[in-house]
């Protein structure tokens, strides 16, 4: 696992989430726009936080374990964001 790969993973996973949010907003104008925008803001904050952790991880003694923990955090927090998005979509579509 190298530094470049984990940075790309963060960009890809968070970017895919933001794309999904944007797609919902474009397909359903005016429905839960504030909530979806809030989720996008959370995703951007997550991206910035994880990128900062990756840069700081270069100084860690056990870099491999550190980066595995960052990758695990990426997946867990993104999964939680998708759960929130799913709830917003269901509420916005009236299901």
PDB file of N, CA and C in Angstrom:
ATOM      1  N   UNK A   1       0.854  -1.165   0.000  1.00  0.00           N
ATOM      2  CA  UNK A   1       0.000   0.000   0.000  1.00  0.00           C
ATOM      3  C   UNK A   1       0.903   1.232   0.000  1.00  0.00           C
ATOM      4  N   UNK A   2       0.698   2.080  -0.988  1.00  0.00           N
ATOM      5  CA  UNK A   2       1.513   3.286  -0.977  1.00  0.00           C
ATOM      6  C   UNK A   2       0.641   4.530  -0.804  1.00  0.00           C
ATOM      7  N   UNK A   3       1.305   5.603  -0.527  1.00  0.00           N
ATOM      8  CA  UNK A   3       0.636   6.863  -0.213  1.00  0.00           C
ATOM      9  C   UNK A   3      -0.244   7.347  -1.356  1.00  0.00           C
ATOM     10  N   UNK A   4       0.237   7.221  -2.565  1.00  0.00           N
ATOM     11  CA  UNK A   4      -0.526   7.689  -3.731  1.00  0.00           C
ATOM     12  C   UNK A   4      -1.833   6.918  -3.878  1.00  0.00           C
ATOM     13  N   UNK A   5      -1.781   5.608  -3.638  1.00  0.00           N
ATOM     14  CA  UNK A   5      -2.982   4.787  -3.777  1.00  0.00           C
ATOM     15  C   UNK A   5      -4.057   5.161  -2.762  1.00  0.00           C
ATOM     16  N   UNK A   6      -3.656   5.391  -1.532  1.00  0.00           N
ATOM     17  CA  UNK A   6      -4.663   5.727  -0.523  1.00  0.00           C
ATOM     18  C   UNK A   6      -5.265   7.108  -0.794  1.00  0.00           C
ATOM     19  N   UNK A   7      -4.466   8.035  -1.289  1.00  0.00           N
ATOM     20  CA  UNK A   7      -5.002   9.351  -1.655  1.00  0.00           C
ATOM     21  C   UNK A   7      -6.016   9.211  -2.782  1.00  0.00           C
ATOM     22  N   UNK A   8      -5.716   8.367  -3.758  1.00  0.00           N
ATOM     23  CA  UNK A   8      -6.650   8.136  -4.868  1.00  0.00           C
ATOM     24  C   UNK A   8      -7.923   7.464  -4.377  1.00  0.00           C
ATOM     25  N   UNK A   9      -7.791   6.524  -3.449  1.00  0.00           N
ATOM     26  CA  UNK A   9      -8.965   5.853  -2.892  1.00  0.00           C
ATOM     27  C   UNK A   9      -9.888   6.852  -2.193  1.00  0.00           C
ATOM     28  N   UNK A  10      -9.291   7.729  -1.415  1.00  0.00           N
ATOM     29  CA  UNK A  10     -10.089   8.746  -0.718  1.00  0.00           C
ATOM     30  C   UNK A  10     -10.813   9.616  -1.722  1.00  0.00           C
ATOM     31  N   UNK A  11     -10.099  10.069  -2.725  1.00  0.00           N
ATOM     32  CA  UNK A  11     -10.706  10.934  -3.741  1.00  0.00           C
ATOM     33  C   UNK A  11     -11.822  10.206  -4.483  1.00  0.00           C
ATOM     34  N   UNK A  12     -11.600   8.944  -4.833  1.00  0.00           N
ATOM     35  CA  UNK A  12     -12.591   8.194  -5.591  1.00  0.00           C
ATOM     36  C   UNK A  12     -13.853   7.927  -4.768  1.00  0.00           C
ATOM     37  N   UNK A  13     -13.686   7.435  -3.546  1.00  0.00           N
ATOM     38  CA  UNK A  13     -14.839   7.043  -2.729  1.00  0.00           C
ATOM     39  C   UNK A  13     -15.672   8.267  -2.341  1.00  0.00           C
ATOM     40  N   UNK A  14     -15.029   9.304  -1.874  1.00  0.00           N
ATOM     41  CA  UNK A  14     -15.766  10.505  -1.479  1.00  0.00           C
ATOM     42  C   UNK A  14     -16.350  11.188  -2.717  1.00  0.00           C
ATOM     43  N   UNK A  15     -15.604  11.201  -3.812  1.00  0.00           N
ATOM     44  CA  UNK A  15     -16.106  11.785  -5.056  1.00  0.00           C
ATOM     45  C   UNK A  15     -17.333  11.056  -5.575  1.00  0.00           C
ATOM     46  N   UNK A  16     -17.353   9.734  -5.468  1.00  0.00           N
ATOM     47  CA  UNK A  16     -18.513   8.956  -5.905  1.00  0.00           C
ATOM     48  C   UNK A  16     -19.736   9.296  -5.060  1.00  0.00           C
ATOM     49  N   UNK A  17     -19.524   9.489  -3.760  1.00  0.00           N
ATOM     50  CA  UNK A  17     -20.638   9.866  -2.893  1.00  0.00           C
ATOM     51  C   UNK A  17     -21.192  11.232  -3.288  1.00  0.00           C
ATOM     52  N   UNK A  18     -20.314  12.178  -3.526  1.00  0.00           N
ATOM     53  CA  UNK A  18     -20.756  13.523  -3.916  1.00  0.00           C
ATOM     54  C   UNK A  18     -21.473  13.464  -5.263  1.00  0.00           C
ATOM     55  N   UNK A  19     -20.998  12.640  -6.176  1.00  0.00           N
ATOM     56  CA  UNK A  19     -21.678  12.467  -7.465  1.00  0.00           C
ATOM     57  C   UNK A  19     -23.093  11.931  -7.269  1.00  0.00           C
ATOM     58  N   UNK A  20     -23.253  10.977  -6.365  1.00  0.00           N
ATOM     59  CA  UNK A  20     -24.576  10.421  -6.098  1.00  0.00           C
ATOM     60  C   UNK A  20     -25.510  11.474  -5.516  1.00  0.00           C
ATOM     61  N   UNK A  21     -24.988  12.298  -4.630  1.00  0.00           N
ATOM     62  CA  UNK A  21     -25.796  13.381  -4.056  1.00  0.00           C
ATOM     63  C   UNK A  21     -26.215  14.375  -5.137  1.00  0.00           C
ATOM     64  N   UNK A  22     -25.276  14.734  -5.977  1.00  0.00           N
ATOM     65  CA  UNK A  22     -25.550  15.684  -7.049  1.00  0.00           C
ATOM     66  C   UNK A  22     -26.568  15.116  -8.037  1.00  0.00           C
ATOM     67  N   UNK A  23     -26.461  13.840  -8.325  1.00  0.00           N
ATOM     68  CA  UNK A  23     -27.414  13.189  -9.225  1.00  0.00           C
ATOM     69  C   UNK A  23     -28.822  13.266  -8.656  1.00  0.00           C
ATOM     70  N   UNK A  24     -28.970  12.980  -7.361  1.00  0.00           N
ATOM     71  CA  UNK A  24     -30.297  13.080  -6.747  1.00  0.00           C
ATOM     72  C   UNK A  24     -30.826  14.501  -6.835  1.00  0.00           C
ATOM     73  N   UNK A  25     -29.975  15.478  -6.550  1.00  0.00           N
ATOM     74  CA  UNK A  25     -30.420  16.879  -6.610  1.00  0.00           C
ATOM     75  C   UNK A  25     -30.858  17.266  -8.015  1.00  0.00           C
ATOM     76  N   UNK A  26     -30.139  16.791  -9.013  1.00  0.00           N
ATOM     77  CA  UNK A  26     -30.479  17.128 -10.395  1.00  0.00           C
ATOM     78  C   UNK A  26     -31.741  16.410 -10.874  1.00  0.00           C
ATOM     79  N   UNK A  27     -31.950  15.204 -10.410  1.00  0.00           N
ATOM     80  CA  UNK A  27     -33.120  14.429 -10.832  1.00  0.00           C
ATOM     81  C   UNK A  27     -34.384  14.820 -10.059  1.00  0.00           C
ATOM     82  N   UNK A  28     -34.206  15.398  -8.886  1.00  0.00           N
ATOM     83  CA  UNK A  28     -35.334  15.755  -8.021  1.00  0.00           C
ATOM     84  C   UNK A  28     -35.162  17.171  -7.483  1.00  0.00           C
ATOM     85  N   UNK A  29     -35.266  18.167  -8.343  1.00  0.00           N
ATOM     86  CA  UNK A  29     -35.012  19.531  -7.880  1.00  0.00           C
ATOM     87  C   UNK A  29     -35.981  19.946  -6.765  1.00  0.00           C
ATOM     88  N   UNK A  30     -35.400  20.547  -5.739  1.00  0.00           N
ATOM     89  CA  UNK A  30     -36.196  21.075  -4.645  1.00  0.00           C
ATOM     90  C   UNK A  30     -36.545  20.077  -3.556  1.00  0.00           C
ATOM     91  N   UNK A  31     -36.265  18.799  -3.759  1.00  0.00           N
ATOM     92  CA  UNK A  31     -36.607  17.797  -2.752  1.00  0.00           C
ATOM     93  C   UNK A  31     -35.408  17.555  -1.840  1.00  0.00           C
ATOM     94  N   UNK A  32     -35.566  17.910  -0.581  1.00  0.00           N
ATOM     95  CA  UNK A  32     -34.524  17.707   0.427  1.00  0.00           C
ATOM     96  C   UNK A  32     -33.189  18.341   0.036  1.00  0.00           C
ATOM     97  N   UNK A  33     -33.228  19.417  -0.683  1.00  0.00           N
ATOM     98  CA  UNK A  33     -32.000  20.052  -1.172  1.00  0.00           C
ATOM     99  C   UNK A  33     -31.089  20.470  -0.017  1.00  0.00           C
ATOM    100  N   UNK A  34     -31.666  21.003   1.038  1.00  0.00           N
ATOM    101  CA  UNK A  34     -30.840  21.448   2.169  1.00  0.00           C
ATOM    102  C   UNK A  34     -30.150  20.270   2.857  1.00  0.00           C
ATOM    103  N   UNK A  35     -30.882  19.177   3.014  1.00  0.00           N
ATOM    104  CA  UNK A  35     -30.299  18.007   3.660  1.00  0.00           C
ATOM    105  C   UNK A  35     -29.193  17.392   2.804  1.00  0.00           C
ATOM    106  N   UNK A  36     -29.431  17.299   1.507  1.00  0.00           N
ATOM    107  CA  UNK A  36     -28.440  16.719   0.601  1.00  0.00           C
ATOM    108  C   UNK A  36     -27.206  17.616   0.543  1.00  0.00           C
ATOM    109  N   UNK A  37     -27.405  18.922   0.520  1.00  0.00           N
ATOM    110  CA  UNK A  37     -26.279  19.850   0.529  1.00  0.00           C
ATOM    111  C   UNK A  37     -25.475  19.699   1.816  1.00  0.00           C
ATOM    112  N   UNK A  38     -26.160  19.474   2.922  1.00  0.00           N
ATOM    113  CA  UNK A  38     -25.476  19.226   4.190  1.00  0.00           C
ATOM    114  C   UNK A  38     -24.636  17.954   4.144  1.00  0.00           C
ATOM    115  N   UNK A  39     -25.146  16.928   3.467  1.00  0.00           N
ATOM    116  CA  UNK A  39     -24.382  15.689   3.306  1.00  0.00           C
ATOM    117  C   UNK A  39     -23.142  15.911   2.448  1.00  0.00           C
ATOM    118  N   UNK A  40     -23.287  16.730   1.422  1.00  0.00           N
ATOM    119  CA  UNK A  40     -22.132  17.046   0.579  1.00  0.00           C
ATOM    120  C   UNK A  40     -21.071  17.773   1.414  1.00  0.00           C
ATOM    121  N   UNK A  41     -21.514  18.695   2.260  1.00  0.00           N
ATOM    122  CA  UNK A  41     -20.576  19.403   3.136  1.00  0.00           C
ATOM    123  C   UNK A  41     -19.860  18.431   4.078  1.00  0.00           C
ATOM    124  N   UNK A  42     -20.601  17.459   4.621  1.00  0.00           N
ATOM    125  CA  UNK A  42     -19.986  16.448   5.486  1.00  0.00           C
ATOM    126  C   UNK A  42     -18.955  15.630   4.717  1.00  0.00           C
ATOM    127  N   UNK A  43     -19.275  15.315   3.454  1.00  0.00           N
ATOM    128  CA  UNK A  43     -18.351  14.529   2.637  1.00  0.00           C
ATOM    129  C   UNK A  43     -17.070  15.314   2.355  1.00  0.00           C
ATOM    130  N   UNK A  44     -17.207  16.597   2.085  1.00  0.00           N
ATOM    131  CA  UNK A  44     -16.028  17.431   1.839  1.00  0.00           C
ATOM    132  C   UNK A  44     -15.177  17.518   3.111  1.00  0.00           C
ATOM    133  N   UNK A  45     -15.835  17.662   4.255  1.00  0.00           N
ATOM    134  CA  UNK A  45     -15.100  17.681   5.532  1.00  0.00           C
ATOM    135  C   UNK A  45     -14.376  16.358   5.767  1.00  0.00           C
ATOM    136  N   UNK A  46     -15.038  15.245   5.447  1.00  0.00           N
ATOM    137  CA  UNK A  46     -14.419  13.931   5.583  1.00  0.00           C
ATOM    138  C   UNK A  46     -13.200  13.824   4.668  1.00  0.00           C
ATOM    139  N   UNK A  47     -13.344  14.283   3.432  1.00  0.00           N
ATOM    140  CA  UNK A  47     -12.232  14.260   2.472  1.00  0.00           C
ATOM    141  C   UNK A  47     -11.037  15.034   3.021  1.00  0.00           C
ATOM    142  N   UNK A  48     -11.292  16.249   3.482  1.00  0.00           N
ATOM    143  CA  UNK A  48     -10.204  17.077   4.004  1.00  0.00           C
ATOM    144  C   UNK A  48      -9.556  16.448   5.240  1.00  0.00           C
ATOM    145  N   UNK A  49     -10.379  15.900   6.122  1.00  0.00           N
ATOM    146  CA  UNK A  49      -9.867  15.268   7.336  1.00  0.00           C
ATOM    147  C   UNK A  49      -8.987  14.058   7.005  1.00  0.00           C
ATOM    148  N   UNK A  50      -9.461  13.215   6.105  1.00  0.00           N
ATOM    149  CA  UNK A  50      -8.694  12.024   5.759  1.00  0.00           C
ATOM    150  C   UNK A  50      -7.406  12.363   5.018  1.00  0.00           C
ATOM    151  N   UNK A  51      -7.461  13.347   4.147  1.00  0.00           N
ATOM    152  CA  UNK A  51      -6.238  13.759   3.443  1.00  0.00           C
ATOM    153  C   UNK A  51      -5.209  14.307   4.429  1.00  0.00           C
ATOM    154  N   UNK A  52      -5.667  15.068   5.412  1.00  0.00           N
ATOM    155  CA  UNK A  52      -4.749  15.566   6.440  1.00  0.00           C
ATOM    156  C   UNK A  52      -4.137  14.411   7.227  1.00  0.00           C
ATOM    157  N   UNK A  53      -4.944  13.409   7.541  1.00  0.00           N
ATOM    158  CA  UNK A  53      -4.435  12.252   8.268  1.00  0.00           C
ATOM    159  C   UNK A  53      -3.404  11.487   7.446  1.00  0.00           C
ATOM    160  N   UNK A  54      -3.629  11.392   6.145  1.00  0.00           N
ATOM    161  CA  UNK A  54      -2.686  10.678   5.281  1.00  0.00           C
ATOM    162  C   UNK A  54      -1.346  11.401   5.253  1.00  0.00           C
ATOM    163  N   UNK A  55      -1.385  12.714   5.162  1.00  0.00           N
ATOM    164  CA  UNK A  55      -0.142  13.489   5.139  1.00  0.00           C
ATOM    165  C   UNK A  55       0.599  13.333   6.466  1.00  0.00           C
ATOM    166  N   UNK A  56      -0.127  13.369   7.573  1.00  0.00           N
ATOM    167  CA  UNK A  56       0.496  13.207   8.888  1.00  0.00           C
ATOM    168  C   UNK A  56       0.992  11.791   9.100  1.00  0.00           C
ATOM    169  N   UNK A  57       0.385  10.832   8.423  1.00  0.00           N
ATOM    170  CA  UNK A  57       0.765   9.432   8.576  1.00  0.00           C
ATOM    171  C   UNK A  57       2.149   9.122   8.070  1.00  0.00           C
ATOM    172  N   UNK A  58       2.676   9.952   7.201  1.00  0.00           N
ATOM    173  CA  UNK A  58       4.026   9.739   6.694  1.00  0.00           C
ATOM    174  C   UNK A  58       5.041   9.815   7.826  1.00  0.00           C
ATOM    175  N   UNK A  59       4.678  10.471   8.908  1.00  0.00           N
ATOM    176  CA  UNK A  59       5.566  10.603  10.062  1.00  0.00           C
ATOM    177  C   UNK A  59       5.355   9.499  11.092  1.00  0.00           C
ATOM    178  N   UNK A  60       4.316   8.670  10.902  1.00  0.00           N
ATOM    179  CA  UNK A  60       3.997   7.628  11.878  1.00  0.00           C
ATOM    180  C   UNK A  60       5.031   6.513  11.845  1.00  0.00           C
ATOM    181  N   UNK A  61       5.268   5.933  13.017  1.00  0.00           N
ATOM    182  CA  UNK A  61       6.229   4.833  13.116  1.00  0.00           C
ATOM    183  C   UNK A  61       5.739   3.603  12.375  1.00  0.00           C
ATOM    184  N   UNK A  62       4.514   3.231  12.630  1.00  0.00           N
ATOM    185  CA  UNK A  62       3.925   2.061  11.985  1.00  0.00           C
ATOM    186  C   UNK A  62       2.985   2.538  10.887  1.00  0.00           C
ATOM    187  N   UNK A  63       3.562   2.983   9.784  1.00  0.00           N
ATOM    188  CA  UNK A  63       2.798   3.611   8.720  1.00  0.00           C
ATOM    189  C   UNK A  63       1.761   2.667   8.112  1.00  0.00           C
ATOM    190  N   UNK A  64       2.105   1.406   7.926  1.00  0.00           N
ATOM    191  CA  UNK A  64       1.179   0.471   7.292  1.00  0.00           C
ATOM    192  C   UNK A  64      -0.091   0.317   8.125  1.00  0.00           C
ATOM    193  N   UNK A  65       0.052   0.119   9.414  1.00  0.00           N
ATOM    194  CA  UNK A  65      -1.106  -0.011  10.293  1.00  0.00           C
ATOM    195  C   UNK A  65      -1.905   1.291  10.332  1.00  0.00           C
ATOM    196  N   UNK A  66      -1.204   2.397  10.307  1.00  0.00           N
ATOM    197  CA  UNK A  66      -1.858   3.711  10.326  1.00  0.00           C
ATOM    198  C   UNK A  66      -2.719   3.890   9.084  1.00  0.00           C
ATOM    199  N   UNK A  67      -2.164   3.558   7.918  1.00  0.00           N
ATOM    200  CA  UNK A  67      -2.904   3.722   6.670  1.00  0.00           C
ATOM    201  C   UNK A  67      -4.064   2.745   6.563  1.00  0.00           C
ATOM    202  N   UNK A  68      -3.922   1.554   7.118  1.00  0.00           N
ATOM    203  CA  UNK A  68      -5.046   0.620   7.147  1.00  0.00           C
ATOM    204  C   UNK A  68      -6.183   1.182   7.993  1.00  0.00           C
ATOM    205  N   UNK A  69      -5.843   1.830   9.092  1.00  0.00           N
ATOM    206  CA  UNK A  69      -6.860   2.447   9.940  1.00  0.00           C
ATOM    207  C   UNK A  69      -7.551   3.605   9.221  1.00  0.00           C
ATOM    208  N   UNK A  70      -6.792   4.382   8.455  1.00  0.00           N
ATOM    209  CA  UNK A  70      -7.378   5.490   7.688  1.00  0.00           C
ATOM    210  C   UNK A  70      -8.318   4.934   6.623  1.00  0.00           C
ATOM    211  N   UNK A  71      -7.898   3.877   5.944  1.00  0.00           N
ATOM    212  CA  UNK A  71      -8.753   3.270   4.917  1.00  0.00           C
ATOM    213  C   UNK A  71     -10.034   2.715   5.540  1.00  0.00           C
ATOM    214  N   UNK A  72      -9.928   2.092   6.716  1.00  0.00           N
ATOM    215  CA  UNK A  72     -11.107   1.567   7.414  1.00  0.00           C
ATOM    216  C   UNK A  72     -12.043   2.715   7.787  1.00  0.00           C
ATOM    217  N   UNK A  73     -11.469   3.804   8.282  1.00  0.00           N
ATOM    218  CA  UNK A  73     -12.277   4.979   8.640  1.00  0.00           C
ATOM    219  C   UNK A  73     -12.991   5.536   7.412  1.00  0.00           C
ATOM    220  N   UNK A  74     -12.308   5.578   6.283  1.00  0.00           N
ATOM    221  CA  UNK A  74     -12.912   6.052   5.033  1.00  0.00           C
ATOM    222  C   UNK A  74     -14.152   5.232   4.707  1.00  0.00           C
ATOM    223  N   UNK A  75     -14.031   3.930   4.757  1.00  0.00           N
ATOM    224  CA  UNK A  75     -15.151   3.065   4.391  1.00  0.00           C
ATOM    225  C   UNK A  75     -16.299   3.155   5.392  1.00  0.00           C
ATOM    226  N   UNK A  76     -15.980   3.204   6.676  1.00  0.00           N
ATOM    227  CA  UNK A  76     -17.025   3.285   7.692  1.00  0.00           C
ATOM    228  C   UNK A  76     -17.787   4.601   7.624  1.00  0.00           C
ATOM    229  N   UNK A  77     -17.063   5.693   7.498  1.00  0.00           N
ATOM    230  CA  UNK A  77     -17.727   6.999   7.482  1.00  0.00           C
ATOM    231  C   UNK A  77     -18.479   7.234   6.178  1.00  0.00           C
ATOM    232  N   UNK A  78     -17.957   6.732   5.082  1.00  0.00           N
ATOM    233  CA  UNK A  78     -18.666   6.869   3.815  1.00  0.00           C
ATOM    234  C   UNK A  78     -19.933   6.019   3.833  1.00  0.00           C
ATOM    235  N   UNK A  79     -19.853   4.839   4.424  1.00  0.00           N
ATOM    236  CA  UNK A  79     -21.029   3.981   4.557  1.00  0.00           C
ATOM    237  C   UNK A  79     -22.111   4.689   5.373  1.00  0.00           C
ATOM    238  N   UNK A  80     -21.709   5.353   6.443  1.00  0.00           N
ATOM    239  CA  UNK A  80     -22.660   6.105   7.264  1.00  0.00           C
ATOM    240  C   UNK A  80     -23.286   7.246   6.468  1.00  0.00           C
ATOM    241  N   UNK A  81     -22.487   7.907   5.631  1.00  0.00           N
ATOM    242  CA  UNK A  81     -23.027   8.977   4.793  1.00  0.00           C
ATOM    243  C   UNK A  81     -24.034   8.420   3.787  1.00  0.00           C
ATOM    244  N   UNK A  82     -23.749   7.254   3.227  1.00  0.00           N
ATOM    245  CA  UNK A  82     -24.696   6.629   2.301  1.00  0.00           C
ATOM    246  C   UNK A  82     -25.995   6.249   3.007  1.00  0.00           C
ATOM    247  N   UNK A  83     -25.915   5.830   4.255  1.00  0.00           N
ATOM    248  CA  UNK A  83     -27.134   5.540   5.018  1.00  0.00           C
ATOM    249  C   UNK A  83     -27.969   6.808   5.180  1.00  0.00           C
ATOM    250  N   UNK A  84     -27.311   7.916   5.479  1.00  0.00           N
ATOM    251  CA  UNK A  84     -28.023   9.192   5.603  1.00  0.00           C
ATOM    252  C   UNK A  84     -28.624   9.609   4.270  1.00  0.00           C
ATOM    253  N   UNK A  85     -27.878   9.428   3.190  1.00  0.00           N
ATOM    254  CA  UNK A  85     -28.381   9.767   1.857  1.00  0.00           C
ATOM    255  C   UNK A  85     -29.598   8.917   1.523  1.00  0.00           C
ATOM    256  N   UNK A  86     -29.541   7.648   1.836  1.00  0.00           N
ATOM    257  CA  UNK A  86     -30.649   6.752   1.564  1.00  0.00           C
ATOM    258  C   UNK A  86     -31.907   7.206   2.316  1.00  0.00           C
ATOM    259  N   UNK A  87     -31.738   7.610   3.569  1.00  0.00           N
ATOM    260  CA  UNK A  87     -32.878   8.093   4.350  1.00  0.00           C
ATOM    261  C   UNK A  87     -33.459   9.372   3.744  1.00  0.00           C
ATOM    262  N   UNK A  88     -32.585  10.266   3.277  1.00  0.00           N
ATOM    263  CA  UNK A  88     -33.047  11.508   2.653  1.00  0.00           C
ATOM    264  C   UNK A  88     -33.799  11.225   1.362  1.00  0.00           C
ATOM    265  N   UNK A  89     -33.292  10.294   0.584  1.00  0.00           N
ATOM    266  CA  UNK A  89     -33.926   9.942  -0.688  1.00  0.00           C
ATOM    267  C   UNK A  89     -35.312   9.348  -0.425  1.00  0.00           C
ATOM    268  N   UNK A  90     -35.407   8.447   0.536  1.00  0.00           N
ATOM    269  CA  UNK A  90     -36.697   7.839   0.853  1.00  0.00           C
ATOM    270  C   UNK A  90     -37.703   8.883   1.314  1.00  0.00           C
ATOM    271  N   UNK A  91     -37.222   9.811   2.150  1.00  0.00           N
ATOM    272  CA  UNK A  91     -38.094  10.865   2.648  1.00  0.00           C
ATOM    273  C   UNK A  91     -38.492  11.806   1.499  1.00  0.00           C
ATOM    274  N   UNK A  92     -37.540  12.125   0.628  1.00  0.00           N
ATOM    275  CA  UNK A  92     -37.805  13.041  -0.483  1.00  0.00           C
ATOM    276  C   UNK A  92     -38.744  12.471  -1.521  1.00  0.00           C
ATOM    277  N   UNK A  93     -38.722  11.163  -1.663  1.00  0.00           N
ATOM    278  CA  UNK A  93     -39.581  10.521  -2.657  1.00  0.00           C
ATOM    279  C   UNK A  93     -40.896  10.052  -2.043  1.00  0.00           C
ATOM    280  N   UNK A  94     -41.031  10.256  -0.733  1.00  0.00           N
ATOM    281  CA  UNK A  94     -42.280   9.924  -0.072  1.00  0.00           C
ATOM    282  C   UNK A  94     -42.510   8.447   0.142  1.00  0.00           C
ATOM    283  N   UNK A  95     -41.445   7.694   0.319  1.00  0.00           N
ATOM    284  CA  UNK A  95     -41.586   6.241   0.528  1.00  0.00           C
ATOM    285  C   UNK A  95     -41.408   5.901   1.977  1.00  0.00           C
TER     286      UNK A  95
END
